């Protein structure tokens, strides 16, 4: 008896990822093959105005899964995903970022659950590599979503538990129509969507419609940015999108967003009046980070403590940029 094949479009937004896009495409093809004949798959790559030659890699890359390449001016990851969703030809869509790789058994695992009606899946993150930057993000994940990371297992969550579980469109599978509805309902405080939180609010809309499943069986590999420059730039961007995603009363981080700005002004004024106290503030932040991570392995806690001041400064600057973008957006309306 033959099993009905599942139509799947993998939408990959591409922006300056020459180094990683080949591995991403290979991982999709391998995961489709590992699932046997379960998926009738295609890959839709949307080049979002890249300044490198990643699109040429896609054009010349041999793949057992058909690949379509679309190109547009740089409008940000959200708009690239919208373009990919509009072009997708399948019932289900897997949103997958360039530079990450699907675990080989991911699609085989999720195919059985789709048959049972569990049709919304968030990818479980596997952090790749070693070193302080990787350890930093591992600690962040455990501190932010301890209930899940303490013992990762197959589970689901809705809007009531939304902020207690890891989620994101880096690796997210759902029916195309559901994702299109979430994109249509998406709202941002910024006029330029390149700086918006392009996943949290959209996925909150999905969770309001049906539960989001997550499991180590449906996993992808994430390669954190290493080096102080890339790390700080990433933290700055995350600060900007944090304001857009969590500067909303429905987020459990809303009080943190509201309280950050007066607190950071006071800290800045204190440091300006007493510059010799700045090292003490940095050491105090590092010590607080070490205490927060005390239950993690020693090397993880030390890495988190060492990088926390850098992250806090860059993330905080990004939050101020987010506030400026939000205010500017309101003034233009």
Protein backbone atom coordinates (compact mmCIF):
# COMPACT_ATOMS: atom_id res chain seq x y z
CA UNK A 1 0.00 0.00 0.00
CA UNK A 2 1.51 3.34 -1.08
CA UNK A 3 1.63 6.30 1.29
CA UNK A 4 0.53 9.67 -0.02
CA UNK A 5 3.50 11.98 -0.56
CA UNK A 6 3.63 15.31 1.22
CA UNK A 7 4.15 18.46 -0.83
CA UNK A 8 6.92 20.56 0.74
CA UNK A 9 8.45 23.87 -0.33
CA UNK A 10 11.60 24.85 1.54
CA UNK A 11 11.88 28.65 1.50
CA UNK A 12 15.42 29.92 2.06
CA UNK A 13 16.06 33.69 2.32
CA UNK A 14 19.60 34.43 1.18
CA UNK A 15 21.68 37.46 2.07
CA UNK A 16 25.48 37.36 1.83
CA UNK A 17 25.74 33.69 2.80
CA UNK A 18 28.14 32.40 0.17
CA UNK A 19 30.03 30.44 2.81
CA UNK A 20 26.96 28.65 4.17
CA UNK A 21 24.37 28.27 1.42
CA UNK A 22 25.94 25.17 -0.15
CA UNK A 23 25.80 23.27 3.16
CA UNK A 24 22.19 24.40 3.65
CA UNK A 25 21.12 23.08 0.24
CA UNK A 26 22.99 19.81 0.78
CA UNK A 27 21.33 19.29 4.16
CA UNK A 28 17.85 19.79 2.67
CA UNK A 29 18.51 17.25 -0.07
CA UNK A 30 19.88 14.76 2.43
CA UNK A 31 16.94 15.19 4.82
CA UNK A 32 14.48 14.70 1.94
CA UNK A 33 16.34 11.54 0.88
CA UNK A 34 16.45 10.22 4.46
CA UNK A 35 12.65 10.56 4.62
CA UNK A 36 12.31 8.04 1.80
CA UNK A 37 9.49 8.81 -0.60
CA UNK A 38 7.47 10.85 1.88
CA UNK A 39 8.11 14.30 0.42
CA UNK A 40 7.55 15.80 -3.00
CA UNK A 41 9.92 18.68 -2.31
CA UNK A 42 11.23 21.85 -3.90
CA UNK A 43 13.62 24.53 -2.67
CA UNK A 44 12.81 28.21 -3.22
CA UNK A 45 15.83 30.45 -2.58
CA UNK A 46 15.13 34.18 -2.41
CA UNK A 47 18.25 36.29 -2.85
CA UNK A 48 17.51 39.49 -0.93
CA UNK A 49 19.87 41.88 -2.71
CA UNK A 50 23.08 40.13 -1.69
CA UNK A 51 26.35 41.90 -2.46
CA UNK A 52 28.28 38.64 -2.75
CA UNK A 53 27.92 35.81 -5.28
CA UNK A 54 25.81 33.44 -3.18
CA UNK A 55 23.16 33.45 -5.91
CA UNK A 56 25.74 32.08 -8.35
CA UNK A 57 26.46 29.23 -5.95
CA UNK A 58 22.75 28.41 -5.92
CA UNK A 59 22.49 28.56 -9.72
CA UNK A 60 25.40 26.16 -10.22
CA UNK A 61 24.72 23.84 -7.28
CA UNK A 62 23.68 20.28 -8.23
CA UNK A 63 20.75 19.05 -6.16
CA UNK A 64 18.47 16.04 -6.12
CA UNK A 65 15.70 18.42 -5.03
CA UNK A 66 14.53 21.01 -7.61
CA UNK A 67 15.79 24.51 -6.79
CA UNK A 68 14.24 27.80 -7.88
CA UNK A 69 16.14 31.05 -7.41
CA UNK A 70 14.29 34.36 -7.05
CA UNK A 71 16.09 37.69 -6.73
CA UNK A 72 14.92 41.00 -5.32
CA UNK A 73 16.30 44.27 -3.97
CA UNK A 74 17.33 44.18 -0.33
CA UNK A 75 14.13 44.46 1.73
CA UNK A 76 15.01 42.24 4.69
CA UNK A 77 14.44 38.65 5.73
CA UNK A 78 10.72 39.07 6.36
CA UNK A 79 10.05 40.35 2.85
CA UNK A 80 12.29 37.63 1.38
CA UNK A 81 10.21 35.03 3.19
CA UNK A 82 7.01 36.67 1.95
CA UNK A 83 8.31 36.44 -1.62
CA UNK A 84 9.21 32.78 -1.10
CA UNK A 85 5.84 31.97 0.43
CA UNK A 86 4.01 33.61 -2.46
CA UNK A 87 6.04 31.54 -4.91
CA UNK A 88 5.85 28.23 -3.01
CA UNK A 89 3.86 25.56 -4.80
CA UNK A 90 3.31 23.07 -1.96
CA UNK A 91 0.84 22.49 0.83
CA UNK A 92 3.54 22.72 3.49
CA UNK A 93 6.38 25.22 3.77
CA UNK A 94 9.59 24.88 5.72
CA UNK A 95 11.20 28.23 6.46
CA UNK A 96 14.94 27.66 6.76
CA UNK A 97 17.66 30.26 6.99
CA UNK A 98 20.74 30.14 4.80
CA UNK A 99 23.78 29.12 6.81
CA UNK A 100 21.96 26.61 9.02
CA UNK A 101 21.65 22.92 8.23
CA UNK A 102 18.83 20.44 8.77
CA UNK A 103 19.68 17.34 10.74
CA UNK A 104 19.46 14.30 8.42
CA UNK A 105 16.53 12.65 10.22
CA UNK A 106 14.50 15.85 10.73
CA UNK A 107 12.03 15.43 7.87
CA UNK A 108 11.64 11.70 8.44
CA UNK A 109 10.67 12.43 12.04
CA UNK A 110 8.18 15.13 11.19
CA UNK A 111 6.54 13.23 8.29
CA UNK A 112 4.96 10.73 10.69
CA UNK A 113 3.58 13.56 12.83
CA UNK A 114 2.12 15.37 9.84
CA UNK A 115 0.17 12.20 9.10
CA UNK A 116 -1.28 12.45 12.62
CA UNK A 117 -2.38 16.06 12.15
CA UNK A 118 0.50 17.69 14.07
CA UNK A 119 1.28 20.13 11.31
CA UNK A 120 3.16 23.05 12.93
CA UNK A 121 6.79 22.45 13.94
CA UNK A 122 9.51 24.69 15.33
CA UNK A 123 13.06 23.44 14.87
CA UNK A 124 15.13 22.36 17.87
CA UNK A 125 18.46 24.21 17.83
CA UNK A 126 21.76 22.35 17.96
CA UNK A 127 24.64 24.76 18.55
CA UNK A 128 27.67 23.88 16.41
CA UNK A 129 31.31 24.32 17.33
CA UNK A 130 33.27 25.03 20.48
CA UNK A 131 34.62 28.05 22.26
CA UNK A 132 33.31 30.95 24.35
CA UNK A 133 30.87 32.36 21.78
CA UNK A 134 29.11 29.03 21.32
CA UNK A 135 29.02 28.51 25.09
CA UNK A 136 27.55 31.99 25.55
CA UNK A 137 24.55 31.21 23.34
CA UNK A 138 24.07 27.84 24.96
CA UNK A 139 23.78 29.55 28.34
CA UNK A 140 21.38 32.16 26.94
CA UNK A 141 19.12 29.37 25.65
CA UNK A 142 19.10 27.61 29.02
CA UNK A 143 18.42 30.81 30.96
CA UNK A 144 15.65 32.05 28.66
CA UNK A 145 13.88 28.73 28.13
CA UNK A 146 14.97 26.58 31.04
CA UNK A 147 11.76 24.54 31.20
CA UNK A 148 12.48 23.10 27.77
CA UNK A 149 16.28 23.01 27.75
CA UNK A 150 16.54 21.33 31.13
CA UNK A 151 15.26 18.17 29.45
CA UNK A 152 14.47 18.63 25.75
CA UNK A 153 11.55 16.48 24.65
CA UNK A 154 8.66 16.43 22.21
CA UNK A 155 6.06 18.90 23.40
CA UNK A 156 3.81 21.70 22.21
CA UNK A 157 2.84 25.21 23.26
CA UNK A 158 0.23 27.84 22.50
CA UNK A 159 -0.12 31.54 23.24
CA UNK A 160 -0.31 31.04 27.01
CA UNK A 161 3.13 29.39 27.10
CA UNK A 162 4.53 31.18 24.06
CA UNK A 163 7.37 33.04 25.78
CA UNK A 164 8.46 29.97 27.76
CA UNK A 165 9.65 27.98 24.75
CA UNK A 166 12.31 28.60 22.09
CA UNK A 167 10.86 29.53 18.74
CA UNK A 168 11.82 31.26 15.53
CA UNK A 169 11.51 31.17 11.77
CA UNK A 170 15.11 30.04 11.38
CA UNK A 171 13.63 26.56 11.03
CA UNK A 172 9.83 26.45 11.06
CA UNK A 173 7.41 24.14 9.24
CA UNK A 174 3.68 24.76 8.82
CA UNK A 175 0.89 24.67 6.24
CA UNK A 176 1.49 27.35 3.62
CA UNK A 177 -1.96 28.90 4.10
CA UNK A 178 -1.36 29.28 7.83
CA UNK A 179 1.96 31.04 7.21
CA UNK A 180 0.42 33.30 4.59
CA UNK A 181 -2.25 34.33 7.09
CA UNK A 182 0.42 35.04 9.71
CA UNK A 183 2.39 37.15 7.24
CA UNK A 184 -0.74 39.11 6.33
CA UNK A 185 -1.43 39.79 10.02
CA UNK A 186 2.17 40.81 10.74
CA UNK A 187 2.65 44.30 12.15
CA UNK A 188 5.85 46.12 13.01
CA UNK A 189 6.54 49.39 14.79
CA UNK A 190 9.21 50.21 12.21
CA UNK A 191 8.70 51.63 8.74
CA UNK A 192 11.70 49.68 7.45
CA UNK A 193 10.95 45.97 7.91
CA UNK A 194 14.65 45.09 7.58
CA UNK A 195 14.96 45.97 11.26
CA UNK A 196 11.72 44.43 12.47
CA UNK A 197 11.27 41.35 14.62
CA UNK A 198 10.40 39.12 11.71
CA UNK A 199 9.49 35.95 13.56
CA UNK A 200 8.17 36.38 17.13
CA UNK A 201 4.99 38.36 16.34
CA UNK A 202 4.30 36.21 13.28
CA UNK A 203 4.66 32.97 15.24
CA UNK A 204 2.50 34.33 18.05
CA UNK A 205 -0.21 34.68 15.41
CA UNK A 206 0.35 31.06 14.37
CA UNK A 207 0.16 29.88 18.01
CA UNK A 208 -3.19 31.63 18.38
CA UNK A 209 -4.52 29.41 15.58
CA UNK A 210 -3.02 26.05 16.58
CA UNK A 211 -0.32 24.59 18.84
CA UNK A 212 3.34 24.77 17.87
CA UNK A 213 5.25 21.52 18.30
CA UNK A 214 8.94 21.26 19.12
CA UNK A 215 11.18 18.21 19.49
CA UNK A 216 14.85 17.21 19.37
CA UNK A 217 13.73 14.88 16.57
CA UNK A 218 13.08 17.90 14.32
CA UNK A 219 16.40 19.69 14.66
CA UNK A 220 18.75 21.98 12.79
CA UNK A 221 22.35 23.02 13.35
CA UNK A 222 23.08 26.68 14.06
CA UNK A 223 26.57 28.15 13.72
CA UNK A 224 26.90 31.13 16.11
CA UNK A 225 28.96 34.12 15.04
CA UNK A 226 32.46 33.99 16.45
CA UNK A 227 34.86 36.88 16.97
CA UNK A 228 34.09 40.02 18.96
CA UNK A 229 33.13 42.10 15.91
CA UNK A 230 30.52 39.72 14.45
CA UNK A 231 29.30 38.91 17.97
CA UNK A 232 28.79 42.59 18.84
CA UNK A 233 27.09 43.38 15.53
CA UNK A 234 24.73 40.45 16.02
CA UNK A 235 23.94 41.61 19.56
CA UNK A 236 23.24 45.13 18.26
CA UNK A 237 20.79 43.78 15.69
CA UNK A 238 19.12 41.55 18.28
CA UNK A 239 18.63 44.58 20.51
CA UNK A 240 16.83 46.40 17.69
CA UNK A 241 14.49 43.52 16.89
CA UNK A 242 13.96 42.86 20.63
CA UNK A 243 12.20 46.21 21.01
CA UNK A 244 9.93 45.51 18.05
CA UNK A 245 9.12 41.97 19.15
CA UNK A 246 8.75 42.46 22.88
CA UNK A 247 7.73 46.09 23.20
CA UNK A 248 4.17 44.76 23.27
CA UNK A 249 2.05 44.11 26.38
CA UNK A 250 1.42 40.49 25.39
CA UNK A 251 5.12 39.63 25.76
CA UNK A 252 6.45 38.55 29.15
CA UNK A 253 9.55 40.64 28.35
CA UNK A 254 7.50 43.85 27.97
CA UNK A 255 8.38 45.11 31.47
CA UNK A 256 12.05 44.56 30.66
CA UNK A 257 11.76 46.70 27.53
CA UNK A 258 9.94 49.46 29.39
CA UNK A 259 12.36 49.44 32.33
CA UNK A 260 15.52 49.27 30.25
CA UNK A 261 15.49 52.84 28.97
CA UNK A 262 15.33 54.74 32.28
CA UNK A 263 17.70 52.22 33.87
CA UNK A 264 20.26 52.59 31.08
CA UNK A 265 20.00 56.41 31.25
CA UNK A 266 20.74 56.31 34.96
CA UNK A 267 23.67 53.93 34.45
CA UNK A 268 25.05 56.09 31.66
CA UNK A 269 24.72 59.28 33.72
CA UNK A 270 26.45 57.61 36.67
CA UNK A 271 29.32 56.38 34.46
CA UNK A 272 29.69 59.84 32.91
CA UNK A 273 29.91 61.55 36.30
CA UNK A 274 32.16 58.88 37.79
CA UNK A 275 34.21 57.44 34.93
CA UNK A 276 36.49 55.61 37.35
CA UNK A 277 33.47 53.57 38.45
CA UNK A 278 32.94 52.16 34.95
CA UNK A 279 35.28 49.17 35.46
CA UNK A 280 33.37 48.34 38.63
CA UNK A 281 30.09 48.40 36.69
CA UNK A 282 31.55 46.07 34.07
CA UNK A 283 32.91 43.70 36.71
CA UNK A 284 29.59 43.79 38.53
CA UNK A 285 27.74 42.85 35.35
CA UNK A 286 30.18 40.02 34.68
CA UNK A 287 29.80 38.76 38.24
CA UNK A 288 26.00 38.87 37.99
CA UNK A 289 26.18 36.91 34.73
CA UNK A 290 28.42 34.31 36.33
CA UNK A 291 25.97 33.90 39.21
CA UNK A 292 23.04 33.58 36.79
CA UNK A 293 24.91 30.80 34.95
CA UNK A 294 26.16 29.05 38.08
CA UNK A 295 24.26 25.85 37.31
CA UNK A 296 25.92 25.49 33.92
CA UNK A 297 29.35 23.84 33.44
CA UNK A 298 32.22 26.01 34.69
CA UNK A 299 33.55 26.88 31.21
CA UNK A 300 30.06 27.88 30.07
CA UNK A 301 29.56 30.15 33.08
CA UNK A 302 32.95 31.81 32.62
CA UNK A 303 32.33 32.37 28.90
CA UNK A 304 28.94 33.87 29.66
CA UNK A 305 30.43 36.16 32.29
CA UNK A 306 33.25 37.32 30.02
CA UNK A 307 31.00 38.13 27.06
CA UNK A 308 27.97 39.45 28.96
CA UNK A 309 29.28 43.06 29.22
CA UNK A 310 30.01 43.15 25.47
CA UNK A 311 26.62 41.73 24.67
CA UNK A 312 24.82 44.02 27.11
CA UNK A 313 26.44 47.15 25.67
CA UNK A 314 25.78 46.20 22.04
CA UNK A 315 22.27 44.88 22.72
CA UNK A 316 21.43 48.00 24.72
CA UNK A 317 22.63 50.25 21.90
CA UNK A 318 20.45 48.24 19.53
CA UNK A 319 17.46 48.75 21.81
CA UNK A 320 18.00 52.50 21.69
CA UNK A 321 18.11 52.29 17.90
CA UNK A 322 14.86 50.31 18.08
CA UNK A 323 13.24 53.04 20.16
CA UNK A 324 14.38 55.66 17.65
CA UNK A 325 12.97 53.63 14.76
CA UNK A 326 9.66 53.13 16.57
CA UNK A 327 9.32 56.83 17.40
CA UNK A 328 10.33 57.78 13.87
CA UNK A 329 7.76 55.39 12.47
CA UNK A 330 5.00 56.94 14.57
CA UNK A 331 5.98 60.46 13.52
CA UNK A 332 5.83 59.49 9.85
CA UNK A 333 2.33 58.03 10.15
